[in-house]
Amino acid sequence: MTTTIILTGLGIAGAAYLGRMAMQAGKIVEQNAHKIPKPSFSSYYRGGFDPKISKREASLILGVSPSASRSKVRDAHRRIMILNHPDKGGSPYLAAKINEAKEYLESSARK
């Protein structure tokens, strides 16, 4: 019986100690939270689509160089359409823009 009381007391003391340490760590994090840099997704294109597609926009959509060959354009189109196909839950609007970008770059790409 005495051992049970001692172990219970040690358990409560340990829990209180851990709680105190967690509170102190929380205060330190709260004080320094403003120093943590905000993530910037600068590699992503910000903004909507242009009314008429341009070579720059088409290359941004497919993730290829504006002067990419037809084979690179086809490979990029296939890779992106696998992820964004409407039959797989993708947006029909995005699929149309991806197809438009492919057609635009293929028409202006070298063979």
C-alpha atoms as a PDB file:
ATOM      1  CA  MET A   1       0.000   0.000   0.000  1.00  0.00           C
ATOM      2  CA  THR A   2       2.800   2.404   0.843  1.00  0.00           C
ATOM      3  CA  THR A   3       4.541   1.630  -2.456  1.00  0.00           C
ATOM      4  CA  THR A   4       1.372   2.435  -4.386  1.00  0.00           C
ATOM      5  CA  ILE A   5       1.026   5.804  -2.681  1.00  0.00           C
ATOM      6  CA  ILE A   6       4.674   6.652  -3.353  1.00  0.00           C
ATOM      7  CA  LEU A   7       4.432   5.641  -7.033  1.00  0.00           C
ATOM      8  CA  THR A   8       1.214   7.644  -7.440  1.00  0.00           C
ATOM      9  CA  GLY A   9       2.874  10.694  -5.903  1.00  0.00           C
ATOM     10  CA  LEU A  10       5.901  10.327  -8.178  1.00  0.00           C
ATOM     11  CA  GLY A  11       3.625   9.960 -11.207  1.00  0.00           C
ATOM     12  CA  ILE A  12       1.704  13.123 -10.305  1.00  0.00           C
ATOM     13  CA  ALA A  13       4.950  15.017  -9.666  1.00  0.00           C
ATOM     14  CA  GLY A  14       6.369  13.838 -13.001  1.00  0.00           C
ATOM     15  CA  ALA A  15       3.217  14.872 -14.852  1.00  0.00           C
ATOM     16  CA  ALA A  16       3.292  18.287 -13.171  1.00  0.00           C
ATOM     17  CA  TYR A  17       6.955  18.736 -14.090  1.00  0.00           C
ATOM     18  CA  LEU A  18       6.314  17.820 -17.728  1.00  0.00           C
ATOM     19  CA  GLY A  19       3.325  20.165 -17.808  1.00  0.00           C
ATOM     20  CA  ARG A  20       5.476  23.006 -16.472  1.00  0.00           C
ATOM     21  CA  MET A  21       8.152  22.320 -19.100  1.00  0.00           C
ATOM     22  CA  ALA A  22       5.517  22.290 -21.853  1.00  0.00           C
ATOM     23  CA  MET A  23       4.151  25.635 -20.661  1.00  0.00           C
ATOM     24  CA  GLN A  24       7.632  27.171 -20.659  1.00  0.00           C
ATOM     25  CA  ALA A  25       8.351  25.810 -24.138  1.00  0.00           C
ATOM     26  CA  GLY A  26       5.026  27.201 -25.342  1.00  0.00           C
ATOM     27  CA  LYS A  27       5.912  30.656 -24.066  1.00  0.00           C
ATOM     28  CA  ILE A  28       9.292  30.552 -25.823  1.00  0.00           C
ATOM     29  CA  VAL A  29       7.663  29.484 -29.087  1.00  0.00           C
ATOM     30  CA  GLU A  30       5.018  32.194 -28.752  1.00  0.00           C
ATOM     31  CA  GLN A  31       7.675  34.863 -28.190  1.00  0.00           C
ATOM     32  CA  ASN A  32       9.725  33.758 -31.196  1.00  0.00           C
ATOM     33  CA  ALA A  33       6.912  32.852 -33.595  1.00  0.00           C
ATOM     34  CA  HIS A  34       7.241  36.131 -35.496  1.00  0.00           C
ATOM     35  CA  LYS A  35      10.867  35.268 -36.323  1.00  0.00           C
ATOM     36  CA  ILE A  36       9.904  32.154 -38.288  1.00  0.00           C
ATOM     37  CA  PRO A  37       9.913  33.021 -41.999  1.00  0.00           C
ATOM     38  CA  LYS A  38       6.670  32.635 -43.883  1.00  0.00           C
ATOM     39  CA  PRO A  39       6.807  30.071 -46.691  1.00  0.00           C
ATOM     40  CA  SER A  40       6.883  31.637 -50.104  1.00  0.00           C
ATOM     41  CA  PHE A  41       5.821  29.646 -53.087  1.00  0.00           C
ATOM     42  CA  SER A  42       7.614  31.858 -55.554  1.00  0.00           C
ATOM     43  CA  SER A  43       8.217  29.002 -57.971  1.00  0.00           C
ATOM     44  CA  TYR A  44       4.475  28.822 -58.629  1.00  0.00           C
ATOM     45  CA  TYR A  45       2.750  31.077 -61.118  1.00  0.00           C
ATOM     46  CA  ARG A  46       0.490  33.557 -59.366  1.00  0.00           C
ATOM     47  CA  GLY A  47      -2.484  34.900 -61.195  1.00  0.00           C
ATOM     48  CA  GLY A  48      -5.247  33.716 -63.446  1.00  0.00           C
ATOM     49  CA  PHE A  49      -5.239  32.766 -67.085  1.00  0.00           C
ATOM     50  CA  ASP A  50      -5.025  35.295 -69.894  1.00  0.00           C
ATOM     51  CA  PRO A  51      -8.058  35.533 -72.209  1.00  0.00           C
ATOM     52  CA  LYS A  52      -5.888  34.541 -75.179  1.00  0.00           C
ATOM     53  CA  ILE A  53      -3.044  32.136 -74.478  1.00  0.00           C
ATOM     54  CA  SER A  54       0.494  33.336 -75.036  1.00  0.00           C
ATOM     55  CA  LYS A  55       3.708  31.403 -75.504  1.00  0.00           C
ATOM     56  CA  ARG A  56       4.845  32.370 -72.000  1.00  0.00           C
ATOM     57  CA  GLU A  57       1.603  31.249 -70.399  1.00  0.00           C
ATOM     58  CA  ALA A  58       1.553  27.982 -72.344  1.00  0.00           C
ATOM     59  CA  SER A  59       5.088  27.177 -71.254  1.00  0.00           C
ATOM     60  CA  LEU A  60       4.224  28.007 -67.623  1.00  0.00           C
ATOM     61  CA  ILE A  61       1.197  25.724 -67.731  1.00  0.00           C
ATOM     62  CA  LEU A  62       3.172  22.788 -69.085  1.00  0.00           C
ATOM     63  CA  GLY A  63       6.365  23.562 -67.186  1.00  0.00           C
ATOM     64  CA  VAL A  64       8.605  23.570 -70.254  1.00  0.00           C
ATOM     65  CA  SER A  65      10.776  26.102 -71.981  1.00  0.00           C
ATOM     66  CA  PRO A  66       9.014  28.349 -74.528  1.00  0.00           C
ATOM     67  CA  SER A  67      11.348  26.908 -77.162  1.00  0.00           C
ATOM     68  CA  ALA A  68      10.842  23.247 -76.162  1.00  0.00           C
ATOM     69  CA  SER A  69      10.635  20.563 -78.836  1.00  0.00           C
ATOM     70  CA  ARG A  70       7.402  18.802 -79.698  1.00  0.00           C
ATOM     71  CA  SER A  71       8.478  15.651 -77.889  1.00  0.00           C
ATOM     72  CA  LYS A  72       9.141  17.590 -74.659  1.00  0.00           C
ATOM     73  CA  VAL A  73       5.788  19.343 -75.002  1.00  0.00           C
ATOM     74  CA  ARG A  74       4.013  15.991 -75.506  1.00  0.00           C
ATOM     75  CA  ASP A  75       5.790  14.420 -72.520  1.00  0.00           C
ATOM     76  CA  ALA A  76       4.931  17.367 -70.279  1.00  0.00           C
ATOM     77  CA  HIS A  77       1.326  17.333 -71.499  1.00  0.00           C
ATOM     78  CA  ARG A  78       0.983  13.619 -70.820  1.00  0.00           C
ATOM     79  CA  ARG A  79       2.503  13.965 -67.334  1.00  0.00           C
ATOM     80  CA  ILE A  80       0.207  16.847 -66.359  1.00  0.00           C
ATOM     81  CA  MET A  81      -2.934  15.361 -67.884  1.00  0.00           C
ATOM     82  CA  ILE A  82      -2.464  12.137 -65.936  1.00  0.00           C
ATOM     83  CA  LEU A  83      -2.719  14.208 -62.771  1.00  0.00           C
ATOM     84  CA  ASN A  84      -5.480  16.589 -63.911  1.00  0.00           C
ATOM     85  CA  HIS A  85      -7.733  14.511 -66.152  1.00  0.00           C
ATOM     86  CA  PRO A  86     -11.461  15.134 -65.553  1.00  0.00           C
ATOM     87  CA  ASP A  87     -12.190  11.386 -65.500  1.00  0.00           C
ATOM     88  CA  LYS A  88      -9.787  11.074 -62.554  1.00  0.00           C
ATOM     89  CA  GLY A  89     -11.356  13.945 -60.598  1.00  0.00           C
ATOM     90  CA  GLY A  90      -9.529  16.850 -62.243  1.00  0.00           C
ATOM     91  CA  SER A  91     -11.067  20.098 -63.408  1.00  0.00           C
ATOM     92  CA  PRO A  92     -12.450  20.205 -66.960  1.00  0.00           C
ATOM     93  CA  TYR A  93     -11.415  23.866 -67.168  1.00  0.00           C
ATOM     94  CA  LEU A  94      -7.807  23.082 -66.258  1.00  0.00           C
ATOM     95  CA  ALA A  95      -7.775  20.165 -68.684  1.00  0.00           C
ATOM     96  CA  ALA A  96      -8.968  22.495 -71.451  1.00  0.00           C
ATOM     97  CA  LYS A  97      -6.230  25.021 -70.611  1.00  0.00           C
ATOM     98  CA  ILE A  98      -3.594  22.264 -70.569  1.00  0.00           C
ATOM     99  CA  ASN A  99      -4.767  21.030 -73.970  1.00  0.00           C
ATOM    100  CA  GLU A 100      -4.815  24.583 -75.312  1.00  0.00           C
ATOM    101  CA  ALA A 101      -1.246  25.120 -74.082  1.00  0.00           C
ATOM    102  CA  LYS A 102      -0.117  21.882 -75.763  1.00  0.00           C
ATOM    103  CA  GLU A 103      -1.738  22.807 -79.070  1.00  0.00           C
ATOM    104  CA  TYR A 104      -0.257  26.305 -78.965  1.00  0.00           C
ATOM    105  CA  LEU A 105       3.272  25.131 -78.229  1.00  0.00           C
ATOM    106  CA  GLU A 106       3.115  22.251 -80.714  1.00  0.00           C
ATOM    107  CA  SER A 107       2.056  24.634 -83.468  1.00  0.00           C
ATOM    108  CA  SER A 108       5.001  26.912 -82.744  1.00  0.00           C
ATOM    109  CA  ALA A 109       7.564  24.231 -81.733  1.00  0.00           C
ATOM    110  CA  ARG A 110      10.338  22.904 -83.885  1.00  0.00           C
ATOM    111  CA  LYS A 111      10.179  19.270 -84.953  1.00  0.00           C
END
